[in-house]
Amino acid sequence: MSRKTPFQLPHALEFGLLISGRDTKSLVISVMCRFCACFKRAEQLGAKRQWTENTNCFFVLTTTWTCCPWRNSMALFKKVPDTTTSYCITIRNVKRFELALDHTSIGLSFRQSSDVIDQHKEAFGNAKLVGLNDHIVSQYVRVGVAINLQRILDILSSPCIWSFTLAADSSTHRFVSYLDIQIRVCPNGSLENLHLIAVPFYDRHTAENIAAMICHILDALHARWRSKIIAFNTDGENTMTGRHAGVVTRIDHECETKLMRIWCAPHQIDLVVKDVSHSLNDGLFYKTAHDFSVHLRRQQNLQLEMGSTCPKDTNRWVHLERMLSWMLEHRRQLLIWIDEKKPASAPDDSWWLMMGGVRPLLELVNVTLVILQNLILLQQTSEIENLVGHLVSTMNMELVGTDDAFDAMQVSKFIVVDHWRVKIENVSRHLHNQGSWARNMFLVLDAANQTSILKEIAHFGLKLVQGISAIQAERNSNNKAALDFGIPVMPFQLVEMAPCDFIDLVLDPYRSQLAKFWPDEKIDFIERHQQELFNAYKREPGSKLLIDKHDHTTFFSTGWDDLKGRFEHLRMFCGGLANAFANITSVESDFSNLKWEKDDFRQSMMNLTLEGISQAKQRRVVMGIPVPIGFDDAVGPNRTSNSHFYNLHHEN
């Protein structure tokens, strides 16, 4: 079906339409209602389906829509003679090719990349850089996709790689949904996060469709992925984690081994902060903070006078601390401005005191979130326990273990939330610790307001501690906290386990999966190396001194590198266990890059080219990973060897 008349710009004004997509020739291919985009969709009373704010896009079919760009992309690849599944591409000017991808990876457009390389040619007189334009750069970027995917396939196909983990999430940009997939592997004893692919997702976001898309992508990449996948990390959304027919459950049914389910701990912390923020002063605290921040961001004269702008209140609840810290930093100027202008959204003294009491707690949470992004799963658990300890110490909270203790409490002196309690006197000291401004503002209030403020701060802190202390990333098949979690993978943990316990608790649960890829004699090396590590810690003072320096903040590679190349088979096995994603912040980073690259001026960019930019950003990382042919290459002195190649083949 086609139209003889293509979409024209006057149509947008006549029918109130907003252009939402263009093809490679800048012709309009999709539009949406401008009123729905600005004011959201109208709610239909009595409708069976739940009302949503999502805005529908309408695709415009024209006679000029063809698949020529795809044919041009595939024309770059030539079939290898005497084969039906192998392709190759010839890059005659490798230096120009690599420079183009490097420039693209740092955010330059294709035209900017070609111009910069042309300037290099003029400055240094290098004739090898001549003849580049934006079209050639776009072709190079598409080739980079195939090269990276081929390299990832080679890494996964390596005999020493017995497991990998998966993380997936979806997001919408310019009315197009994208499904982003990342994998994590441990080649040669070093953990690597690799962007796999970000594909447009036009179907409904049901668990069945998402799982089918993930399986289709993995089938095209590596035929034996069902035997190697060990964990799946999600953000906890119901479609992903549903225990009956969620995405993780469907992937688990596809796998040949037990799948470890991971619910991103930073997302859980974000939900806890959301709940306690909404409960503070029956929701009036957050409503006032949000309304006041929106009002401040509209005051341009005030922003020029202060030389700063109030941070935006986003859907990430941990960002609330940044907004509150900014208000506290500019408190004097804001109070003077409030006294002069008297805006309706201005907070009162009680709000300022509550803000002074809860902001330090949120600051501790934000510091921990930054640390969690670089830790493995087991280290993450220890860091969350440290966060709970810091929160408890701020107001000297206490954990009460028995119900009898609650009855014995003096209710007038304590605030109680479930099994946690705090003295009102300690809450008052915590508030006064925020500065003389808090003390002076607090003392002028009447006794009833003082008590109310202290109770609200106490409830916020107790609920925050209670919620965070219950966080656990590992989940069972019912999406509840798993009973067995925290597999030891670091040297300082393994030396505390007797060899028999290591075999029973760590090695045996994964022996059947290991046997599919490792020969029996290599599995025996794992047991032998753990015994040697256990004995070395007891008998070698130097080894004991090194291992005793490690703790939950030690990186995986650092901990094993300190052993100077010993116990390599044990390291590779533990790397396969440690490669479970602790969070999906790297997936969210992919979406940030995607939205940055496809801006208002690049709406016509093909999805393949957009994926090429993402692959270009990790090209040096992927190509820098050595791909061992056998176990001897993985554990010997050739462990850091590498080879660059551009011959591509496809695995059925």
Foldseek 3Di string as FASTA:
>chain_A
DADADFDDPVVCVVQQKAQLFAALVRGGFKIFHNCCVVVFDDDDPPDPDDDDRATDIDTHGHPPDDCVVVVVLCVQWDADPPDDFFIFHDDPLVVLLLQLLLVLLVPDALQRSLVVLVVVCVVVVDPSSPDGHSVVSLSSLLLLLQQLLQLVLLQCPFLLWLAKEKEWDWDDDSSWIKIWMWMWTQFLLRIDIGTNFIGTDDDPPALVSVLVVVVVSVCQRYVQNLLHYAEYEYQPDCQQQPLPRHNVNVSCVSHPAGYWYFHFLLSLLQVLLVVLCCPQVVNPLVVLLQVVLVVQQPPPVLCVVVVHHQDHDDSRSLCSLVNLVVCVVCVVVVVVVCVVPVDPSDDDLLSNLLSLLCSVLSVLVVVLVVLLQQAFQLLNLVSLVVSLVVLCVLLVKDFADDPVVVVVDDVVQWADDVRIIGGLVSLVVSSPVSDPVSVVSLVVDDPVSNVSSSNSSRSSSVSSSVSSVLDHTTADSNRHHDPDDNADLFLLVLLVDDLVCCCVPPVVSCVVSSVVSDPPVLSVLLSVQSNVSNVCCVPPPVSVVLSVVDDSSDHSSRRVVVVVLGSSSNSSSSSSVRRYRNRCVVVVVLVVLLNSNCDPVNSNDDSSSSRSSVSSNCVCVSQQQASDNHPCCSRDPVVRPGDDDRGGGTDD
